[in-house]
């Protein structure tokens, strides 16, 4: 079953069931190098594998960038 979410302001579709950790893997993102906001709440990195991605969720994913 496919679900539709908003991802950084864009509509995206994924096969369910899906956790935040699964979503990051499908997007080829390293969990330790991003911050995830789901429905206006920060998702703790320790719960990425337990937090479901559900129909209509709104995500903002931000990459950490180093520099000097």
PDB file of N, CA and C in Angstrom:
ATOM      1  N   UNK A   1       0.847  -1.181   0.000  1.00  0.00           N
ATOM      2  CA  UNK A   1       0.000   0.000   0.000  1.00  0.00           C
ATOM      3  C   UNK A   1       0.893   1.245   0.000  1.00  0.00           C
ATOM      4  N   UNK A   2       0.634   2.158  -0.872  1.00  0.00           N
ATOM      5  CA  UNK A   2       1.405   3.403  -0.953  1.00  0.00           C
ATOM      6  C   UNK A   2       0.773   4.467  -0.056  1.00  0.00           C
ATOM      7  N   UNK A   3       1.644   5.274   0.561  1.00  0.00           N
ATOM      8  CA  UNK A   3       1.191   6.425   1.342  1.00  0.00           C
ATOM      9  C   UNK A   3       1.815   7.671   0.737  1.00  0.00           C
ATOM     10  N   UNK A   4       1.125   8.774   0.918  1.00  0.00           N
ATOM     11  CA  UNK A   4       1.608  10.053   0.411  1.00  0.00           C
ATOM     12  C   UNK A   4       1.927  10.957   1.590  1.00  0.00           C
ATOM     13  N   UNK A   5       3.119  11.579   1.533  1.00  0.00           N
ATOM     14  CA  UNK A   5       3.552  12.497   2.585  1.00  0.00           C
ATOM     15  C   UNK A   5       4.058  13.778   1.942  1.00  0.00           C
ATOM     16  N   UNK A   6       4.314  14.785   2.767  1.00  0.00           N
ATOM     17  CA  UNK A   6       4.997  16.007   2.316  1.00  0.00           C
ATOM     18  C   UNK A   6       6.417  15.911   2.840  1.00  0.00           C
ATOM     19  N   UNK A   7       7.379  16.070   1.950  1.00  0.00           N
ATOM     20  CA  UNK A   7       8.786  15.948   2.298  1.00  0.00           C
ATOM     21  C   UNK A   7       9.502  17.197   1.838  1.00  0.00           C
ATOM     22  N   UNK A   8       9.912  18.032   2.809  1.00  0.00           N
ATOM     23  CA  UNK A   8      10.549  19.318   2.509  1.00  0.00           C
ATOM     24  C   UNK A   8       9.722  20.124   1.512  1.00  0.00           C
ATOM     25  N   UNK A   9       8.407  20.140   1.746  1.00  0.00           N
ATOM     26  CA  UNK A   9       7.507  20.952   0.946  1.00  0.00           C
ATOM     27  C   UNK A   9       7.012  20.312  -0.342  1.00  0.00           C
ATOM     28  N   UNK A  10       7.502  19.111  -0.657  1.00  0.00           N
ATOM     29  CA  UNK A  10       7.104  18.420  -1.887  1.00  0.00           C
ATOM     30  C   UNK A  10       6.288  17.177  -1.537  1.00  0.00           C
ATOM     31  N   UNK A  11       5.341  16.826  -2.407  1.00  0.00           N
ATOM     32  CA  UNK A  11       4.590  15.592  -2.223  1.00  0.00           C
ATOM     33  C   UNK A  11       5.457  14.417  -2.642  1.00  0.00           C
ATOM     34  N   UNK A  12       5.452  13.359  -1.826  1.00  0.00           N
ATOM     35  CA  UNK A  12       6.220  12.153  -2.126  1.00  0.00           C
ATOM     36  C   UNK A  12       5.380  10.933  -1.756  1.00  0.00           C
ATOM     37  N   UNK A  13       5.601   9.846  -2.479  1.00  0.00           N
ATOM     38  CA  UNK A  13       4.856   8.617  -2.252  1.00  0.00           C
ATOM     39  C   UNK A  13       5.836   7.482  -1.959  1.00  0.00           C
ATOM     40  N   UNK A  14       5.497   6.650  -0.958  1.00  0.00           N
ATOM     41  CA  UNK A  14       6.338   5.529  -0.550  1.00  0.00           C
ATOM     42  C   UNK A  14       5.451   4.342  -0.222  1.00  0.00           C
ATOM     43  N   UNK A  15       6.023   3.159  -0.323  1.00  0.00           N
ATOM     44  CA  UNK A  15       5.319   1.950   0.069  1.00  0.00           C
ATOM     45  C   UNK A  15       5.349   1.816   1.591  1.00  0.00           C
ATOM     46  N   UNK A  16       4.217   1.496   2.181  1.00  0.00           N
ATOM     47  CA  UNK A  16       4.099   1.298   3.624  1.00  0.00           C
ATOM     48  C   UNK A  16       4.154  -0.203   3.915  1.00  0.00           C
ATOM     49  N   UNK A  17       4.472  -0.613   5.130  1.00  0.00           N
ATOM     50  CA  UNK A  17       4.794   0.204   6.298  1.00  0.00           C
ATOM     51  C   UNK A  17       6.203   0.776   6.206  1.00  0.00           C
ATOM     52  N   UNK A  18       6.402   1.872   6.939  1.00  0.00           N
ATOM     53  CA  UNK A  18       7.637   2.621   6.836  1.00  0.00           C
ATOM     54  C   UNK A  18       7.894   3.334   8.156  1.00  0.00           C
ATOM     55  N   UNK A  19       9.146   3.308   8.615  1.00  0.00           N
ATOM     56  CA  UNK A  19       9.549   4.095   9.779  1.00  0.00           C
ATOM     57  C   UNK A  19      10.420   5.250   9.280  1.00  0.00           C
ATOM     58  N   UNK A  20      10.732   6.169  10.162  1.00  0.00           N
ATOM     59  CA  UNK A  20      11.628   7.270   9.799  1.00  0.00           C
ATOM     60  C   UNK A  20      12.975   6.711   9.346  1.00  0.00           C
ATOM     61  N   UNK A  21      13.482   5.691  10.024  1.00  0.00           N
ATOM     62  CA  UNK A  21      14.754   5.077   9.642  1.00  0.00           C
ATOM     63  C   UNK A  21      14.671   4.493   8.231  1.00  0.00           C
ATOM     64  N   UNK A  22      13.553   3.827   7.912  1.00  0.00           N
ATOM     65  CA  UNK A  22      13.342   3.286   6.559  1.00  0.00           C
ATOM     66  C   UNK A  22      13.307   4.413   5.533  1.00  0.00           C
ATOM     67  N   UNK A  23      12.622   5.498   5.873  1.00  0.00           N
ATOM     68  CA  UNK A  23      12.518   6.644   4.971  1.00  0.00           C
ATOM     69  C   UNK A  23      13.896   7.205   4.661  1.00  0.00           C
ATOM     70  N   UNK A  24      14.718   7.364   5.682  1.00  0.00           N
ATOM     71  CA  UNK A  24      16.071   7.884   5.468  1.00  0.00           C
ATOM     72  C   UNK A  24      16.880   6.941   4.572  1.00  0.00           C
ATOM     73  N   UNK A  25      16.716   5.643   4.770  1.00  0.00           N
ATOM     74  CA  UNK A  25      17.425   4.668   3.928  1.00  0.00           C
ATOM     75  C   UNK A  25      16.982   4.789   2.478  1.00  0.00           C
ATOM     76  N   UNK A  26      15.689   4.938   2.245  1.00  0.00           N
ATOM     77  CA  UNK A  26      15.180   5.071   0.873  1.00  0.00           C
ATOM     78  C   UNK A  26      15.649   6.363   0.217  1.00  0.00           C
ATOM     79  N   UNK A  27      15.893   7.368   1.036  1.00  0.00           N
ATOM     80  CA  UNK A  27      16.396   8.644   0.517  1.00  0.00           C
ATOM     81  C   UNK A  27      17.925   8.664   0.466  1.00  0.00           C
ATOM     82  N   UNK A  28      18.550   7.556   0.879  1.00  0.00           N
ATOM     83  CA  UNK A  28      20.004   7.412   0.902  1.00  0.00           C
ATOM     84  C   UNK A  28      20.672   8.480   1.766  1.00  0.00           C
ATOM     85  N   UNK A  29      20.072   8.709   2.950  1.00  0.00           N
ATOM     86  CA  UNK A  29      20.599   9.677   3.909  1.00  0.00           C
ATOM     87  C   UNK A  29      21.138   8.942   5.131  1.00  0.00           C
ATOM     88  N   UNK A  30      22.233   9.428   5.673  1.00  0.00           N
ATOM     89  CA  UNK A  30      22.840   8.862   6.876  1.00  0.00           C
ATOM     90  C   UNK A  30      22.120   9.425   8.104  1.00  0.00           C
ATOM     91  N   UNK A  31      21.510   8.568   8.924  1.00  0.00           N
ATOM     92  CA  UNK A  31      20.733   9.051  10.076  1.00  0.00           C
ATOM     93  C   UNK A  31      21.508   9.980  11.008  1.00  0.00           C
ATOM     94  N   UNK A  32      22.803   9.767  11.175  1.00  0.00           N
ATOM     95  CA  UNK A  32      23.587  10.595  12.080  1.00  0.00           C
ATOM     96  C   UNK A  32      23.927  11.967  11.536  1.00  0.00           C
ATOM     97  N   UNK A  33      23.600  12.216  10.271  1.00  0.00           N
ATOM     98  CA  UNK A  33      23.961  13.489   9.645  1.00  0.00           C
ATOM     99  C   UNK A  33      22.756  14.331   9.260  1.00  0.00           C
ATOM    100  N   UNK A  34      21.588  13.982   9.806  1.00  0.00           N
ATOM    101  CA  UNK A  34      20.381  14.750   9.497  1.00  0.00           C
ATOM    102  C   UNK A  34      19.578  14.998  10.769  1.00  0.00           C
ATOM    103  N   UNK A  35      18.710  15.989  10.712  1.00  0.00           N
ATOM    104  CA  UNK A  35      17.697  16.218  11.738  1.00  0.00           C
ATOM    105  C   UNK A  35      16.351  16.056  11.050  1.00  0.00           C
ATOM    106  N   UNK A  36      15.416  15.411  11.740  1.00  0.00           N
ATOM    107  CA  UNK A  36      14.111  15.120  11.154  1.00  0.00           C
ATOM    108  C   UNK A  36      13.021  15.764  11.997  1.00  0.00           C
ATOM    109  N   UNK A  37      12.157  16.505  11.321  1.00  0.00           N
ATOM    110  CA  UNK A  37      10.972  17.076  11.957  1.00  0.00           C
ATOM    111  C   UNK A  37       9.764  16.413  11.321  1.00  0.00           C
ATOM    112  N   UNK A  38       8.882  15.888  12.152  1.00  0.00           N
ATOM    113  CA  UNK A  38       7.648  15.236  11.681  1.00  0.00           C
ATOM    114  C   UNK A  38       6.467  15.975  12.276  1.00  0.00           C
ATOM    115  N   UNK A  39       5.646  16.526  11.420  1.00  0.00           N
ATOM    116  CA  UNK A  39       4.444  17.242  11.864  1.00  0.00           C
ATOM    117  C   UNK A  39       4.778  18.290  12.928  1.00  0.00           C
ATOM    118  N   UNK A  40       5.827  19.074  12.641  1.00  0.00           N
ATOM    119  CA  UNK A  40       6.280  20.196  13.465  1.00  0.00           C
ATOM    120  C   UNK A  40       6.926  19.795  14.786  1.00  0.00           C
ATOM    121  N   UNK A  41       7.299  18.509  14.946  1.00  0.00           N
ATOM    122  CA  UNK A  41       8.002  18.058  16.149  1.00  0.00           C
ATOM    123  C   UNK A  41       9.282  17.350  15.748  1.00  0.00           C
ATOM    124  N   UNK A  42      10.369  17.664  16.441  1.00  0.00           N
ATOM    125  CA  UNK A  42      11.646  17.008  16.180  1.00  0.00           C
ATOM    126  C   UNK A  42      11.550  15.542  16.590  1.00  0.00           C
ATOM    127  N   UNK A  43      12.018  14.655  15.729  1.00  0.00           N
ATOM    128  CA  UNK A  43      12.054  13.226  16.043  1.00  0.00           C
ATOM    129  C   UNK A  43      13.431  12.922  16.634  1.00  0.00           C
ATOM    130  N   UNK A  44      13.495  12.430  17.874  1.00  0.00           N
ATOM    131  CA  UNK A  44      14.789  12.081  18.446  1.00  0.00           C
ATOM    132  C   UNK A  44      15.457  10.979  17.624  1.00  0.00           C
ATOM    133  N   UNK A  45      16.744  11.114  17.393  1.00  0.00           N
ATOM    134  CA  UNK A  45      17.473  10.126  16.593  1.00  0.00           C
ATOM    135  C   UNK A  45      17.288   8.718  17.162  1.00  0.00           C
ATOM    136  N   UNK A  46      17.202   8.600  18.487  1.00  0.00           N
ATOM    137  CA  UNK A  46      17.047   7.293  19.131  1.00  0.00           C
ATOM    138  C   UNK A  46      15.720   6.618  18.798  1.00  0.00           C
ATOM    139  N   UNK A  47      14.742   7.364  18.271  1.00  0.00           N
ATOM    140  CA  UNK A  47      13.454   6.750  17.942  1.00  0.00           C
ATOM    141  C   UNK A  47      13.159   6.706  16.444  1.00  0.00           C
ATOM    142  N   UNK A  48      14.163   6.942  15.602  1.00  0.00           N
ATOM    143  CA  UNK A  48      13.947   6.852  14.151  1.00  0.00           C
ATOM    144  C   UNK A  48      13.374   5.493  13.748  1.00  0.00           C
ATOM    145  N   UNK A  49      13.881   4.411  14.349  1.00  0.00           N
ATOM    146  CA  UNK A  49      13.433   3.070  13.983  1.00  0.00           C
ATOM    147  C   UNK A  49      12.066   2.697  14.506  1.00  0.00           C
ATOM    148  N   UNK A  50      11.536   3.498  15.435  1.00  0.00           N
ATOM    149  CA  UNK A  50      10.237   3.209  16.055  1.00  0.00           C
ATOM    150  C   UNK A  50       9.143   4.167  15.605  1.00  0.00           C
ATOM    151  N   UNK A  51       9.528   5.253  14.952  1.00  0.00           N
ATOM    152  CA  UNK A  51       8.557   6.286  14.586  1.00  0.00           C
ATOM    153  C   UNK A  51       7.976   5.977  13.212  1.00  0.00           C
ATOM    154  N   UNK A  52       6.664   5.729  13.149  1.00  0.00           N
ATOM    155  CA  UNK A  52       6.057   5.383  11.860  1.00  0.00           C
ATOM    156  C   UNK A  52       5.906   6.599  10.950  1.00  0.00           C
ATOM    157  N   UNK A  53       5.945   6.331   9.678  1.00  0.00           N
ATOM    158  CA  UNK A  53       5.616   7.325   8.659  1.00  0.00           C
ATOM    159  C   UNK A  53       4.193   6.993   8.229  1.00  0.00           C
ATOM    160  N   UNK A  54       3.286   7.954   8.373  1.00  0.00           N
ATOM    161  CA  UNK A  54       1.871   7.697   8.114  1.00  0.00           C
ATOM    162  C   UNK A  54       1.321   8.633   7.049  1.00  0.00           C
ATOM    163  N   UNK A  55       0.253   8.207   6.429  1.00  0.00           N
ATOM    164  CA  UNK A  55      -0.418   8.981   5.391  1.00  0.00           C
ATOM    165  C   UNK A  55      -0.626  10.421   5.851  1.00  0.00           C
ATOM    166  N   UNK A  56      -0.189  11.375   5.021  1.00  0.00           N
ATOM    167  CA  UNK A  56      -0.415  12.785   5.306  1.00  0.00           C
ATOM    168  C   UNK A  56       0.621  13.441   6.201  1.00  0.00           C
ATOM    169  N   UNK A  57       1.589  12.668   6.720  1.00  0.00           N
ATOM    170  CA  UNK A  57       2.633  13.266   7.560  1.00  0.00           C
ATOM    171  C   UNK A  57       3.383  14.335   6.773  1.00  0.00           C
ATOM    172  N   UNK A  58       3.902  15.325   7.514  1.00  0.00           N
ATOM    173  CA  UNK A  58       4.724  16.386   6.918  1.00  0.00           C
ATOM    174  C   UNK A  58       6.105  16.320   7.533  1.00  0.00           C
ATOM    175  N   UNK A  59       7.114  16.140   6.697  1.00  0.00           N
ATOM    176  CA  UNK A  59       8.491  16.003   7.148  1.00  0.00           C
ATOM    177  C   UNK A  59       9.353  17.127   6.614  1.00  0.00           C
ATOM    178  N   UNK A  60      10.260  17.576   7.456  1.00  0.00           N
ATOM    179  CA  UNK A  60      11.358  18.452   7.047  1.00  0.00           C
ATOM    180  C   UNK A  60      12.615  17.708   7.480  1.00  0.00           C
ATOM    181  N   UNK A  61      13.514  17.491   6.540  1.00  0.00           N
ATOM    182  CA  UNK A  61      14.777  16.813   6.835  1.00  0.00           C
ATOM    183  C   UNK A  61      15.897  17.767   6.466  1.00  0.00           C
ATOM    184  N   UNK A  62      16.774  18.013   7.453  1.00  0.00           N
ATOM    185  CA  UNK A  62      17.861  18.968   7.282  1.00  0.00           C
ATOM    186  C   UNK A  62      19.186  18.233   7.423  1.00  0.00           C
ATOM    187  N   UNK A  63      20.117  18.489   6.483  1.00  0.00           N
ATOM    188  CA  UNK A  63      21.457  17.905   6.525  1.00  0.00           C
ATOM    189  C   UNK A  63      22.360  18.795   7.356  1.00  0.00           C
ATOM    190  N   UNK A  64      23.219  18.172   8.170  1.00  0.00           N
ATOM    191  CA  UNK A  64      24.248  18.927   8.883  1.00  0.00           C
ATOM    192  C   UNK A  64      25.395  19.190   7.927  1.00  0.00           C
ATOM    193  N   UNK A  65      25.894  20.409   7.942  1.00  0.00           N
ATOM    194  CA  UNK A  65      26.992  20.794   7.076  1.00  0.00           C
ATOM    195  C   UNK A  65      28.105  21.387   7.931  1.00  0.00           C
ATOM    196  N   UNK A  66      29.310  20.868   7.756  1.00  0.00           N
ATOM    197  CA  UNK A  66      30.443  21.378   8.508  1.00  0.00           C
ATOM    198  C   UNK A  66      31.154  22.461   7.712  1.00  0.00           C
ATOM    199  N   UNK A  67      31.917  23.239   8.386  1.00  0.00           N
ATOM    200  CA  UNK A  67      32.666  24.289   7.705  1.00  0.00           C
ATOM    201  C   UNK A  67      33.471  25.100   8.711  1.00  0.00           C
ATOM    202  N   UNK A  68      34.209  26.020   8.185  1.00  0.00           N
ATOM    203  CA  UNK A  68      35.043  26.780   9.099  1.00  0.00           C
ATOM    204  C   UNK A  68      35.100  28.228   8.772  1.00  0.00           C
TER     205      UNK A  68
END
